[in-house]
N, C-alpha and C. Protein backbone atom coordinates (compact mmCIF):
# COMPACT_ATOMS: atom_id res chain seq x y z
N MET A 1 -57.04 -34.33 -84.94
CA MET A 1 -57.88 -34.07 -83.77
C MET A 1 -58.87 -32.97 -84.11
N GLU A 2 -60.08 -33.06 -83.61
CA GLU A 2 -61.09 -32.05 -83.84
C GLU A 2 -60.67 -30.73 -83.20
N GLN A 3 -61.27 -29.64 -83.66
CA GLN A 3 -60.90 -28.33 -83.17
C GLN A 3 -61.34 -28.11 -81.72
N SER A 4 -62.36 -28.82 -81.27
CA SER A 4 -62.81 -28.64 -79.90
C SER A 4 -63.19 -30.00 -79.31
N LEU A 5 -62.49 -30.37 -78.27
CA LEU A 5 -62.72 -31.64 -77.59
C LEU A 5 -62.73 -31.36 -76.10
N VAL A 6 -63.75 -31.82 -75.39
CA VAL A 6 -63.85 -31.59 -73.95
C VAL A 6 -63.54 -32.89 -73.22
N LEU A 7 -62.59 -32.81 -72.28
CA LEU A 7 -62.22 -33.97 -71.47
C LEU A 7 -62.36 -33.64 -70.00
N THR A 8 -62.76 -34.63 -69.21
CA THR A 8 -62.87 -34.43 -67.76
C THR A 8 -61.51 -34.71 -67.11
N PHE A 9 -61.39 -34.31 -65.85
CA PHE A 9 -60.15 -34.57 -65.11
C PHE A 9 -59.89 -36.07 -65.00
N ALA A 10 -60.96 -36.87 -64.90
CA ALA A 10 -60.80 -38.33 -64.80
C ALA A 10 -60.29 -38.90 -66.12
N GLU A 11 -60.81 -38.39 -67.23
CA GLU A 11 -60.34 -38.85 -68.54
C GLU A 11 -58.88 -38.48 -68.75
N LEU A 12 -58.50 -37.27 -68.33
CA LEU A 12 -57.10 -36.87 -68.43
C LEU A 12 -56.21 -37.77 -67.57
N GLU A 13 -56.69 -38.14 -66.39
CA GLU A 13 -55.90 -39.04 -65.53
C GLU A 13 -55.66 -40.37 -66.23
N PHE A 14 -56.69 -40.92 -66.89
CA PHE A 14 -56.47 -42.17 -67.61
C PHE A 14 -55.47 -41.97 -68.75
N LEU A 15 -55.61 -40.88 -69.51
CA LEU A 15 -54.71 -40.65 -70.65
C LEU A 15 -53.26 -40.48 -70.21
N LEU A 16 -53.05 -39.95 -69.00
CA LEU A 16 -51.69 -39.82 -68.48
C LEU A 16 -51.06 -41.18 -68.19
N ARG A 17 -51.89 -42.23 -68.12
CA ARG A 17 -51.38 -43.57 -67.84
C ARG A 17 -51.13 -44.38 -69.11
N VAL A 18 -51.62 -43.89 -70.24
CA VAL A 18 -51.43 -44.63 -71.49
C VAL A 18 -49.96 -44.68 -71.86
N ARG A 19 -49.26 -43.53 -71.69
CA ARG A 19 -47.81 -43.46 -71.87
C ARG A 19 -47.23 -42.65 -70.72
N GLU A 20 -46.12 -43.09 -70.17
CA GLU A 20 -45.52 -42.41 -69.03
C GLU A 20 -45.06 -41.01 -69.44
N PRO A 21 -45.52 -39.98 -68.73
CA PRO A 21 -45.11 -38.61 -69.07
C PRO A 21 -43.63 -38.38 -68.79
N GLU A 22 -43.00 -37.55 -69.61
CA GLU A 22 -41.60 -37.21 -69.39
C GLU A 22 -41.45 -36.24 -68.22
N ILE A 23 -42.48 -35.42 -67.97
CA ILE A 23 -42.46 -34.50 -66.82
C ILE A 23 -43.17 -35.17 -65.66
N ALA A 24 -42.42 -35.50 -64.61
CA ALA A 24 -42.99 -36.24 -63.48
C ALA A 24 -44.05 -35.44 -62.75
N THR A 25 -43.98 -34.11 -62.82
CA THR A 25 -44.91 -33.25 -62.07
C THR A 25 -46.09 -32.79 -62.92
N ILE A 26 -46.35 -33.45 -64.03
CA ILE A 26 -47.35 -32.92 -64.97
C ILE A 26 -48.74 -32.83 -64.35
N ARG A 27 -49.11 -33.77 -63.47
CA ARG A 27 -50.44 -33.70 -62.83
C ARG A 27 -50.56 -32.41 -62.02
N GLU A 28 -49.55 -32.16 -61.19
CA GLU A 28 -49.55 -30.94 -60.39
C GLU A 28 -49.53 -29.70 -61.29
N ASP A 29 -48.72 -29.75 -62.35
CA ASP A 29 -48.60 -28.61 -63.25
C ASP A 29 -49.93 -28.29 -63.95
N LEU A 30 -50.75 -29.31 -64.16
CA LEU A 30 -52.05 -29.11 -64.80
C LEU A 30 -53.16 -28.88 -63.79
N GLY A 31 -52.82 -28.86 -62.50
CA GLY A 31 -53.83 -28.62 -61.48
C GLY A 31 -54.70 -29.83 -61.20
N LEU A 32 -54.19 -31.02 -61.54
CA LEU A 32 -54.94 -32.25 -61.29
C LEU A 32 -54.57 -32.82 -59.93
N ALA A 33 -55.46 -33.64 -59.38
CA ALA A 33 -55.19 -34.30 -58.10
C ALA A 33 -54.10 -35.35 -58.30
N PRO A 34 -53.45 -35.80 -57.22
CA PRO A 34 -52.47 -36.88 -57.35
C PRO A 34 -53.08 -38.12 -58.00
N ALA A 35 -52.22 -38.94 -58.62
CA ALA A 35 -52.67 -40.14 -59.31
C ALA A 35 -53.58 -40.98 -58.43
N ASP A 36 -54.65 -41.48 -59.02
CA ASP A 36 -55.64 -42.26 -58.27
C ASP A 36 -56.22 -43.32 -59.20
N ASP A 37 -56.12 -44.60 -58.80
CA ASP A 37 -56.59 -45.69 -59.64
C ASP A 37 -58.09 -45.61 -59.91
N ALA A 38 -58.87 -45.23 -58.89
CA ALA A 38 -60.32 -45.16 -59.06
C ALA A 38 -60.70 -44.06 -60.05
N VAL A 39 -59.99 -42.93 -59.98
CA VAL A 39 -60.27 -41.83 -60.91
C VAL A 39 -59.92 -42.26 -62.33
N ALA A 40 -58.77 -42.93 -62.50
CA ALA A 40 -58.37 -43.40 -63.82
C ALA A 40 -59.38 -44.39 -64.38
N ALA A 41 -59.89 -45.29 -63.53
CA ALA A 41 -60.90 -46.27 -63.98
C ALA A 41 -62.18 -45.56 -64.41
N ALA A 42 -62.57 -44.53 -63.66
CA ALA A 42 -63.77 -43.76 -64.04
C ALA A 42 -63.52 -43.04 -65.37
N GLY A 43 -62.29 -42.54 -65.55
CA GLY A 43 -61.96 -41.87 -66.81
C GLY A 43 -62.04 -42.82 -67.98
N LEU A 44 -61.53 -44.03 -67.81
CA LEU A 44 -61.60 -45.03 -68.89
C LEU A 44 -63.05 -45.37 -69.20
N ALA A 45 -63.85 -45.59 -68.17
CA ALA A 45 -65.27 -45.91 -68.40
C ALA A 45 -65.96 -44.80 -69.16
N SER A 46 -65.64 -43.56 -68.82
CA SER A 46 -66.25 -42.42 -69.50
C SER A 46 -65.83 -42.35 -70.96
N LEU A 47 -64.51 -42.56 -71.22
CA LEU A 47 -64.02 -42.52 -72.60
C LEU A 47 -64.64 -43.62 -73.44
N LEU A 48 -64.81 -44.82 -72.85
CA LEU A 48 -65.47 -45.92 -73.57
C LEU A 48 -66.93 -45.58 -73.86
N ALA A 49 -67.61 -45.04 -72.86
CA ALA A 49 -69.03 -44.70 -73.03
C ALA A 49 -69.22 -43.62 -74.09
N ARG A 50 -68.28 -42.71 -74.20
CA ARG A 50 -68.37 -41.62 -75.18
C ARG A 50 -67.84 -42.01 -76.54
N GLY A 51 -67.30 -43.23 -76.67
CA GLY A 51 -66.76 -43.67 -77.95
C GLY A 51 -65.41 -43.08 -78.28
N LEU A 52 -64.70 -42.54 -77.27
CA LEU A 52 -63.39 -41.95 -77.51
C LEU A 52 -62.25 -42.95 -77.33
N CYS A 53 -62.56 -44.09 -76.73
CA CYS A 53 -61.66 -45.24 -76.68
C CYS A 53 -62.45 -46.46 -77.13
N GLU A 54 -61.76 -47.39 -77.76
CA GLU A 54 -62.41 -48.60 -78.24
C GLU A 54 -61.65 -49.82 -77.74
N PRO A 55 -62.37 -50.90 -77.38
CA PRO A 55 -61.68 -52.12 -76.96
C PRO A 55 -60.88 -52.70 -78.13
N GLY A 56 -59.73 -53.29 -77.80
CA GLY A 56 -58.94 -53.92 -78.86
C GLY A 56 -57.65 -54.49 -78.33
N ASP A 57 -57.28 -55.67 -78.84
CA ASP A 57 -56.02 -56.33 -78.51
C ASP A 57 -55.79 -56.46 -77.00
N GLY A 58 -56.81 -56.85 -76.29
CA GLY A 58 -56.68 -57.07 -74.86
C GLY A 58 -56.61 -55.80 -74.03
N GLY A 59 -56.81 -54.66 -74.64
CA GLY A 59 -56.78 -53.39 -73.93
C GLY A 59 -57.74 -52.43 -74.60
N VAL A 60 -57.40 -51.15 -74.59
CA VAL A 60 -58.22 -50.16 -75.26
C VAL A 60 -57.34 -49.34 -76.19
N VAL A 61 -57.96 -48.82 -77.23
CA VAL A 61 -57.24 -48.01 -78.22
C VAL A 61 -57.92 -46.65 -78.31
N PRO A 62 -57.20 -45.56 -78.03
CA PRO A 62 -57.80 -44.22 -78.19
C PRO A 62 -58.12 -43.95 -79.66
N VAL A 63 -59.23 -43.31 -79.91
CA VAL A 63 -59.57 -42.92 -81.27
C VAL A 63 -58.61 -41.81 -81.71
N PRO A 64 -58.54 -41.54 -83.01
CA PRO A 64 -57.56 -40.55 -83.50
C PRO A 64 -57.62 -39.20 -82.79
N GLU A 65 -58.81 -38.76 -82.38
CA GLU A 65 -58.92 -37.47 -81.71
C GLU A 65 -58.09 -37.41 -80.42
N LEU A 66 -57.90 -38.55 -79.78
CA LEU A 66 -57.18 -38.58 -78.50
C LEU A 66 -55.70 -38.87 -78.64
N ARG A 67 -55.27 -39.37 -79.78
CA ARG A 67 -53.87 -39.78 -79.90
C ARG A 67 -52.92 -38.59 -79.76
N ALA A 68 -53.31 -37.45 -80.31
CA ALA A 68 -52.46 -36.26 -80.16
C ALA A 68 -52.40 -35.80 -78.71
N VAL A 69 -53.51 -35.97 -77.98
CA VAL A 69 -53.54 -35.60 -76.57
C VAL A 69 -52.59 -36.50 -75.78
N VAL A 70 -52.65 -37.82 -76.03
CA VAL A 70 -51.76 -38.76 -75.36
C VAL A 70 -50.30 -38.41 -75.67
N ALA A 71 -50.01 -38.15 -76.94
CA ALA A 71 -48.64 -37.82 -77.33
C ALA A 71 -48.16 -36.54 -76.67
N ALA A 72 -49.03 -35.53 -76.61
CA ALA A 72 -48.65 -34.25 -76.00
C ALA A 72 -48.39 -34.42 -74.51
N LEU A 73 -49.26 -35.14 -73.81
CA LEU A 73 -49.08 -35.33 -72.37
C LEU A 73 -47.82 -36.16 -72.07
N ALA A 74 -47.53 -37.13 -72.93
CA ALA A 74 -46.40 -38.02 -72.68
C ALA A 74 -45.06 -37.38 -73.01
N THR A 75 -45.02 -36.55 -74.06
CA THR A 75 -43.74 -36.02 -74.54
C THR A 75 -43.52 -34.56 -74.17
N ALA A 76 -44.43 -33.96 -73.42
CA ALA A 76 -44.30 -32.54 -73.08
C ALA A 76 -42.98 -32.26 -72.36
N ASP A 77 -42.32 -31.18 -72.77
CA ASP A 77 -41.13 -30.75 -72.04
C ASP A 77 -41.37 -29.42 -71.34
N ARG A 78 -42.58 -28.86 -71.50
CA ARG A 78 -42.94 -27.62 -70.79
C ARG A 78 -44.45 -27.60 -70.58
N VAL A 79 -44.86 -27.22 -69.37
CA VAL A 79 -46.27 -26.97 -69.07
C VAL A 79 -46.37 -25.55 -68.54
N THR A 80 -47.22 -24.74 -69.16
CA THR A 80 -47.40 -23.35 -68.74
C THR A 80 -48.84 -23.13 -68.36
N ARG A 81 -49.07 -22.74 -67.09
CA ARG A 81 -50.42 -22.50 -66.58
C ARG A 81 -50.67 -21.01 -66.44
N VAL A 82 -51.91 -20.61 -66.64
CA VAL A 82 -52.33 -19.23 -66.38
C VAL A 82 -53.43 -19.28 -65.33
N LEU A 83 -53.19 -18.61 -64.19
CA LEU A 83 -54.13 -18.60 -63.07
C LEU A 83 -54.69 -17.21 -62.86
N ASP A 84 -55.97 -17.13 -62.56
CA ASP A 84 -56.63 -15.86 -62.23
C ASP A 84 -56.44 -15.60 -60.74
N LEU A 85 -55.69 -14.54 -60.41
CA LEU A 85 -55.43 -14.22 -59.01
C LEU A 85 -56.57 -13.45 -58.35
N GLY A 86 -57.53 -13.03 -59.14
CA GLY A 86 -58.59 -12.20 -58.60
C GLY A 86 -59.69 -12.96 -57.90
N ASP A 87 -59.72 -14.28 -58.07
CA ASP A 87 -60.83 -15.04 -57.50
C ASP A 87 -60.33 -16.39 -56.97
N GLY A 88 -59.36 -16.34 -56.07
CA GLY A 88 -58.89 -17.57 -55.45
C GLY A 88 -58.07 -18.47 -56.34
N SER A 89 -57.26 -17.90 -57.21
CA SER A 89 -56.37 -18.66 -58.08
C SER A 89 -57.12 -19.71 -58.91
N VAL A 90 -58.07 -19.26 -59.68
CA VAL A 90 -58.83 -20.13 -60.57
C VAL A 90 -58.02 -20.36 -61.84
N GLU A 91 -57.88 -21.61 -62.24
CA GLU A 91 -57.11 -21.91 -63.45
C GLU A 91 -57.89 -21.49 -64.69
N LEU A 92 -57.25 -20.72 -65.56
CA LEU A 92 -57.87 -20.28 -66.80
C LEU A 92 -57.49 -21.19 -67.96
N GLY A 93 -56.24 -21.63 -67.95
CA GLY A 93 -55.81 -22.47 -69.06
C GLY A 93 -54.38 -22.93 -68.88
N ALA A 94 -53.99 -23.88 -69.72
CA ALA A 94 -52.63 -24.39 -69.71
C ALA A 94 -52.21 -24.66 -71.14
N VAL A 95 -50.91 -24.49 -71.40
CA VAL A 95 -50.34 -24.80 -72.70
C VAL A 95 -49.30 -25.90 -72.47
N VAL A 96 -49.48 -27.02 -73.15
CA VAL A 96 -48.59 -28.17 -73.03
C VAL A 96 -47.79 -28.25 -74.32
N THR A 97 -46.47 -28.07 -74.22
CA THR A 97 -45.64 -28.04 -75.42
C THR A 97 -44.56 -29.11 -75.35
N GLY A 98 -44.29 -29.72 -76.49
CA GLY A 98 -43.27 -30.74 -76.61
C GLY A 98 -42.60 -30.65 -77.97
N PRO A 99 -41.75 -31.61 -78.28
CA PRO A 99 -41.00 -31.54 -79.54
C PRO A 99 -41.88 -31.58 -80.79
N ASN A 100 -42.97 -32.36 -80.73
CA ASN A 100 -43.76 -32.58 -81.95
C ASN A 100 -45.23 -32.24 -81.82
N VAL A 101 -45.76 -32.17 -80.60
CA VAL A 101 -47.20 -31.93 -80.41
C VAL A 101 -47.40 -30.88 -79.33
N HIS A 102 -48.24 -29.89 -79.62
CA HIS A 102 -48.62 -28.87 -78.64
C HIS A 102 -50.14 -28.88 -78.51
N ILE A 103 -50.63 -28.75 -77.27
CA ILE A 103 -52.07 -28.63 -77.06
C ILE A 103 -52.34 -27.54 -76.02
N GLY A 104 -53.53 -26.99 -76.09
CA GLY A 104 -54.00 -26.06 -75.09
C GLY A 104 -55.14 -26.68 -74.32
N LEU A 105 -55.19 -26.44 -73.01
CA LEU A 105 -56.27 -26.93 -72.15
C LEU A 105 -56.91 -25.72 -71.49
N THR A 106 -58.19 -25.51 -71.73
CA THR A 106 -58.89 -24.39 -71.13
C THR A 106 -59.92 -24.91 -70.14
N ALA A 107 -59.79 -24.52 -68.88
CA ALA A 107 -60.73 -24.97 -67.85
C ALA A 107 -62.09 -24.34 -68.09
N VAL A 108 -63.14 -25.17 -68.07
CA VAL A 108 -64.49 -24.67 -68.30
C VAL A 108 -65.42 -25.01 -67.15
N GLY A 109 -64.86 -25.41 -66.01
CA GLY A 109 -65.69 -25.68 -64.84
C GLY A 109 -66.09 -27.13 -64.70
N PHE A 110 -66.42 -27.52 -63.47
CA PHE A 110 -66.86 -28.88 -63.15
C PHE A 110 -65.84 -29.93 -63.58
N GLY A 111 -64.55 -29.59 -63.47
CA GLY A 111 -63.51 -30.55 -63.78
C GLY A 111 -63.36 -30.87 -65.25
N GLN A 112 -63.85 -29.98 -66.12
CA GLN A 112 -63.77 -30.20 -67.56
C GLN A 112 -62.76 -29.25 -68.19
N HIS A 113 -62.14 -29.73 -69.28
CA HIS A 113 -61.14 -28.95 -69.99
C HIS A 113 -61.40 -29.05 -71.49
N VAL A 114 -61.45 -27.90 -72.17
CA VAL A 114 -61.51 -27.90 -73.62
C VAL A 114 -60.09 -28.08 -74.13
N VAL A 115 -59.90 -29.07 -74.99
CA VAL A 115 -58.58 -29.38 -75.54
C VAL A 115 -58.54 -28.90 -76.98
N GLN A 116 -57.50 -28.14 -77.30
CA GLN A 116 -57.35 -27.64 -78.66
C GLN A 116 -55.94 -27.89 -79.16
N PRO A 117 -55.80 -28.31 -80.41
CA PRO A 117 -54.46 -28.48 -80.98
C PRO A 117 -53.82 -27.12 -81.21
N ILE A 118 -52.51 -27.06 -81.11
CA ILE A 118 -51.75 -25.84 -81.34
C ILE A 118 -50.70 -26.13 -82.40
N ASP A 119 -50.57 -25.25 -83.35
CA ASP A 119 -49.53 -25.38 -84.37
C ASP A 119 -48.17 -25.39 -83.67
N VAL A 120 -47.33 -26.39 -83.96
CA VAL A 120 -46.04 -26.49 -83.29
C VAL A 120 -45.12 -25.31 -83.61
N ALA A 121 -45.44 -24.58 -84.69
CA ALA A 121 -44.65 -23.39 -85.01
C ALA A 121 -44.99 -22.22 -84.10
N SER A 122 -46.09 -22.35 -83.35
CA SER A 122 -46.53 -21.30 -82.43
C SER A 122 -45.98 -21.61 -81.04
N GLY A 123 -45.11 -20.76 -80.52
CA GLY A 123 -44.45 -21.01 -79.25
C GLY A 123 -45.37 -20.82 -78.06
N ALA A 124 -44.87 -21.24 -76.89
CA ALA A 124 -45.63 -21.13 -75.65
C ALA A 124 -45.99 -19.69 -75.36
N ALA A 125 -45.05 -18.76 -75.61
CA ALA A 125 -45.30 -17.35 -75.29
C ALA A 125 -46.48 -16.80 -76.09
N GLU A 126 -46.57 -17.18 -77.35
CA GLU A 126 -47.67 -16.70 -78.20
C GLU A 126 -49.00 -17.24 -77.70
N GLN A 127 -49.02 -18.51 -77.31
CA GLN A 127 -50.25 -19.10 -76.81
C GLN A 127 -50.65 -18.49 -75.47
N VAL A 128 -49.67 -18.25 -74.60
CA VAL A 128 -49.97 -17.62 -73.31
C VAL A 128 -50.51 -16.21 -73.53
N ARG A 129 -49.96 -15.49 -74.49
CA ARG A 129 -50.46 -14.15 -74.78
C ARG A 129 -51.94 -14.19 -75.19
N HIS A 130 -52.32 -15.23 -75.92
CA HIS A 130 -53.72 -15.39 -76.31
C HIS A 130 -54.60 -15.58 -75.08
N VAL A 131 -54.16 -16.42 -74.13
CA VAL A 131 -54.91 -16.64 -72.89
C VAL A 131 -54.97 -15.34 -72.08
N LEU A 132 -53.85 -14.63 -72.00
CA LEU A 132 -53.81 -13.38 -71.25
C LEU A 132 -54.76 -12.35 -71.84
N GLY A 133 -54.86 -12.33 -73.17
CA GLY A 133 -55.76 -11.38 -73.82
C GLY A 133 -57.20 -11.56 -73.39
N ARG A 134 -57.58 -12.81 -73.11
CA ARG A 134 -58.95 -13.09 -72.65
C ARG A 134 -59.11 -12.81 -71.16
N ALA A 135 -58.00 -12.92 -70.41
CA ALA A 135 -58.09 -12.86 -68.95
C ALA A 135 -57.91 -11.47 -68.37
N LEU A 136 -57.09 -10.64 -69.02
CA LEU A 136 -56.73 -9.36 -68.43
C LEU A 136 -57.68 -8.25 -68.87
N GLY A 137 -58.10 -7.45 -67.89
CA GLY A 137 -58.92 -6.27 -68.13
C GLY A 137 -58.68 -5.32 -66.97
N ARG A 138 -59.50 -4.31 -66.84
CA ARG A 138 -59.35 -3.39 -65.72
C ARG A 138 -59.48 -4.13 -64.39
N GLU A 139 -58.60 -3.81 -63.46
CA GLU A 139 -58.59 -4.40 -62.12
C GLU A 139 -58.58 -5.93 -62.17
N SER A 140 -57.56 -6.45 -62.83
CA SER A 140 -57.40 -7.90 -62.93
C SER A 140 -55.95 -8.26 -62.67
N ALA A 141 -55.72 -9.51 -62.32
CA ALA A 141 -54.36 -9.99 -62.08
C ALA A 141 -54.30 -11.47 -62.43
N VAL A 142 -53.20 -11.86 -63.07
CA VAL A 142 -52.99 -13.26 -63.42
C VAL A 142 -51.58 -13.67 -63.06
N LEU A 143 -51.40 -14.97 -62.87
CA LEU A 143 -50.09 -15.55 -62.61
C LEU A 143 -49.81 -16.58 -63.70
N VAL A 144 -48.66 -16.46 -64.33
CA VAL A 144 -48.21 -17.42 -65.33
C VAL A 144 -47.11 -18.26 -64.69
N GLN A 145 -47.31 -19.58 -64.66
CA GLN A 145 -46.30 -20.50 -64.12
C GLN A 145 -45.88 -21.45 -65.24
N SER A 146 -44.58 -21.48 -65.52
CA SER A 146 -44.09 -22.33 -66.59
C SER A 146 -42.98 -23.22 -66.05
N ARG A 147 -43.13 -24.54 -66.25
CA ARG A 147 -42.15 -25.48 -65.71
C ARG A 147 -41.61 -26.39 -66.80
N THR A 148 -40.32 -26.61 -66.75
CA THR A 148 -39.65 -27.63 -67.55
C THR A 148 -38.90 -28.53 -66.58
N ALA A 149 -38.17 -29.51 -67.13
CA ALA A 149 -37.38 -30.39 -66.27
C ALA A 149 -36.28 -29.62 -65.55
N ARG A 150 -35.90 -28.45 -66.07
CA ARG A 150 -34.81 -27.67 -65.48
C ARG A 150 -35.27 -26.73 -64.37
N GLY A 151 -36.57 -26.47 -64.26
CA GLY A 151 -37.03 -25.56 -63.23
C GLY A 151 -38.32 -24.86 -63.61
N GLN A 152 -38.67 -23.85 -62.80
CA GLN A 152 -39.94 -23.14 -63.00
C GLN A 152 -39.70 -21.64 -62.95
N VAL A 153 -40.48 -20.93 -63.74
CA VAL A 153 -40.48 -19.47 -63.70
C VAL A 153 -41.93 -19.02 -63.50
N SER A 154 -42.11 -17.95 -62.71
CA SER A 154 -43.44 -17.42 -62.46
C SER A 154 -43.46 -15.94 -62.83
N ILE A 155 -44.56 -15.50 -63.42
CA ILE A 155 -44.73 -14.11 -63.84
C ILE A 155 -46.10 -13.64 -63.41
N ALA A 156 -46.16 -12.58 -62.62
CA ALA A 156 -47.45 -12.00 -62.20
C ALA A 156 -47.67 -10.71 -62.97
N ILE A 157 -48.87 -10.57 -63.52
CA ILE A 157 -49.25 -9.36 -64.26
C ILE A 157 -50.55 -8.84 -63.68
N ALA A 158 -50.60 -7.54 -63.42
CA ALA A 158 -51.82 -6.93 -62.87
C ALA A 158 -52.13 -5.64 -63.62
N ILE A 159 -53.41 -5.33 -63.70
CA ILE A 159 -53.87 -4.07 -64.28
C ILE A 159 -54.78 -3.42 -63.24
N ASP A 160 -54.49 -2.16 -62.90
CA ASP A 160 -55.30 -1.49 -61.88
C ASP A 160 -56.51 -0.81 -62.51
N GLY A 161 -57.30 -0.14 -61.66
CA GLY A 161 -58.54 0.49 -62.12
C GLY A 161 -58.34 1.62 -63.11
N GLU A 162 -57.10 2.15 -63.16
CA GLU A 162 -56.79 3.22 -64.11
C GLU A 162 -56.22 2.68 -65.42
N GLY A 163 -56.07 1.37 -65.50
CA GLY A 163 -55.52 0.77 -66.71
C GLY A 163 -54.01 0.65 -66.73
N ALA A 164 -53.34 0.94 -65.58
CA ALA A 164 -51.89 0.82 -65.51
C ALA A 164 -51.49 -0.64 -65.32
N TRP A 165 -50.43 -1.07 -66.00
CA TRP A 165 -49.94 -2.44 -65.94
C TRP A 165 -48.78 -2.55 -64.95
N TYR A 166 -48.70 -3.68 -64.24
CA TYR A 166 -47.61 -3.97 -63.32
C TYR A 166 -47.16 -5.41 -63.55
N LEU A 167 -45.87 -5.65 -63.37
CA LEU A 167 -45.33 -6.98 -63.60
C LEU A 167 -44.25 -7.31 -62.57
N SER A 168 -44.24 -8.54 -62.11
CA SER A 168 -43.14 -9.06 -61.31
C SER A 168 -42.89 -10.49 -61.76
N ASP A 169 -41.65 -10.96 -61.62
CA ASP A 169 -41.35 -12.34 -62.01
C ASP A 169 -40.27 -12.92 -61.13
N SER A 170 -40.20 -14.24 -61.16
CA SER A 170 -39.31 -14.96 -60.25
C SER A 170 -37.84 -14.80 -60.60
N GLU A 171 -37.54 -14.33 -61.80
CA GLU A 171 -36.14 -14.11 -62.17
C GLU A 171 -35.74 -12.65 -62.02
N GLY A 172 -36.68 -11.79 -61.69
CA GLY A 172 -36.39 -10.39 -61.47
C GLY A 172 -36.64 -10.03 -60.01
N ASP A 173 -37.69 -9.25 -59.77
CA ASP A 173 -38.07 -8.87 -58.41
C ASP A 173 -39.44 -9.48 -58.11
N PRO A 174 -39.46 -10.67 -57.49
CA PRO A 174 -40.74 -11.37 -57.30
C PRO A 174 -41.65 -10.73 -56.27
N ASP A 175 -41.12 -9.86 -55.42
CA ASP A 175 -41.90 -9.32 -54.30
C ASP A 175 -42.56 -7.98 -54.59
N ARG A 176 -42.21 -7.36 -55.71
CA ARG A 176 -42.74 -6.02 -55.96
C ARG A 176 -43.08 -5.87 -57.44
N GLY A 177 -44.30 -5.46 -57.72
CA GLY A 177 -44.71 -5.22 -59.09
C GLY A 177 -44.10 -3.93 -59.62
N THR A 178 -43.56 -3.99 -60.81
CA THR A 178 -42.95 -2.82 -61.46
C THR A 178 -43.90 -2.30 -62.53
N PRO A 179 -44.15 -0.98 -62.57
CA PRO A 179 -45.00 -0.43 -63.63
C PRO A 179 -44.37 -0.70 -65.01
N VAL A 180 -45.18 -1.20 -65.91
CA VAL A 180 -44.73 -1.50 -67.28
C VAL A 180 -45.85 -1.15 -68.25
N GLY A 181 -45.48 -1.04 -69.52
CA GLY A 181 -46.49 -0.91 -70.56
C GLY A 181 -46.98 -2.28 -70.99
N GLU A 182 -48.11 -2.32 -71.68
CA GLU A 182 -48.67 -3.60 -72.12
C GLU A 182 -47.69 -4.37 -73.00
N ASP A 183 -47.08 -3.67 -73.96
CA ASP A 183 -46.13 -4.35 -74.85
C ASP A 183 -44.92 -4.87 -74.09
N GLU A 184 -44.46 -4.10 -73.10
CA GLU A 184 -43.32 -4.52 -72.29
C GLU A 184 -43.66 -5.76 -71.47
N ALA A 185 -44.86 -5.81 -70.95
CA ALA A 185 -45.28 -6.99 -70.18
C ALA A 185 -45.29 -8.23 -71.06
N HIS A 186 -45.85 -8.12 -72.25
CA HIS A 186 -45.90 -9.28 -73.14
C HIS A 186 -44.50 -9.66 -73.62
N ALA A 187 -43.64 -8.66 -73.81
CA ALA A 187 -42.26 -8.95 -74.22
C ALA A 187 -41.52 -9.72 -73.12
N ARG A 188 -41.78 -9.36 -71.87
CA ARG A 188 -41.12 -10.07 -70.75
C ARG A 188 -41.62 -11.50 -70.66
N VAL A 189 -42.92 -11.72 -70.85
CA VAL A 189 -43.46 -13.08 -70.88
C VAL A 189 -42.77 -13.88 -71.98
N ALA A 190 -42.67 -13.29 -73.18
CA ALA A 190 -42.03 -13.98 -74.30
C ALA A 190 -40.57 -14.30 -73.99
N GLU A 191 -39.88 -13.36 -73.34
CA GLU A 191 -38.47 -13.58 -73.00
C GLU A 191 -38.31 -14.74 -72.04
N LEU A 192 -39.15 -14.80 -71.03
CA LEU A 192 -39.02 -15.84 -70.01
C LEU A 192 -39.46 -17.22 -70.51
N LEU A 193 -40.32 -17.23 -71.51
CA LEU A 193 -40.80 -18.52 -72.03
C LEU A 193 -40.07 -18.96 -73.28
N ALA A 194 -39.19 -18.12 -73.80
CA ALA A 194 -38.53 -18.45 -75.06
C ALA A 194 -37.47 -19.51 -74.91
N ASP A 195 -36.76 -19.50 -73.78
CA ASP A 195 -35.64 -20.43 -73.58
C ASP A 195 -36.00 -21.45 -72.50
N PRO A 196 -35.30 -22.57 -72.47
CA PRO A 196 -35.54 -23.52 -71.38
C PRO A 196 -35.35 -22.84 -70.03
N VAL A 197 -36.27 -23.10 -69.10
CA VAL A 197 -36.19 -22.50 -67.79
C VAL A 197 -34.92 -22.92 -67.07
N GLY A 198 -34.28 -21.98 -66.41
CA GLY A 198 -33.15 -22.30 -65.55
C GLY A 198 -31.82 -22.44 -66.25
N VAL A 199 -31.73 -22.09 -67.55
CA VAL A 199 -30.44 -22.23 -68.24
C VAL A 199 -29.80 -20.89 -68.54
N ARG A 200 -30.46 -19.77 -68.24
CA ARG A 200 -29.85 -18.47 -68.47
C ARG A 200 -28.88 -18.17 -67.36
């Protein structure tokens, strides 16, 4: 797959139909609208027009750039979203991880997502830390939501105008931010994303 591929929400909807996803809530987890036949048809038309799918054998065949995306969406066992809490919960990005294929989806506006391959040796926590590094600054707040078949964990991180960090999470004290250092915040994210959700 190329290092940078942009897909629309409609194209993603079609790709989610190529193979049945293992996570039933993946559309919601990625911030997509509920399944819609018209949207999927528009996505297919767009992929054909862009040369990303080709007619063949009575159906269509995704080009190699899309096959990893289809595999990642179909076999994902964890979806981790990062939302910007400072401006109406705007989605910044998502990390889709599975047994053999990992991808990152970065929202770029107008229903478009930049898709990037992720080395399977790089865990969800490391990828989320990369997204957080771009999102967090003075007077900012983000929410990390990570879901597997076993459940969901949420982590809120905020930085105030003085540069102080605060963290709360659904497995600790979800209602009150606790002062933490930057390294401690990232360590907590890594801890919560390291194991399958809901098995501790």
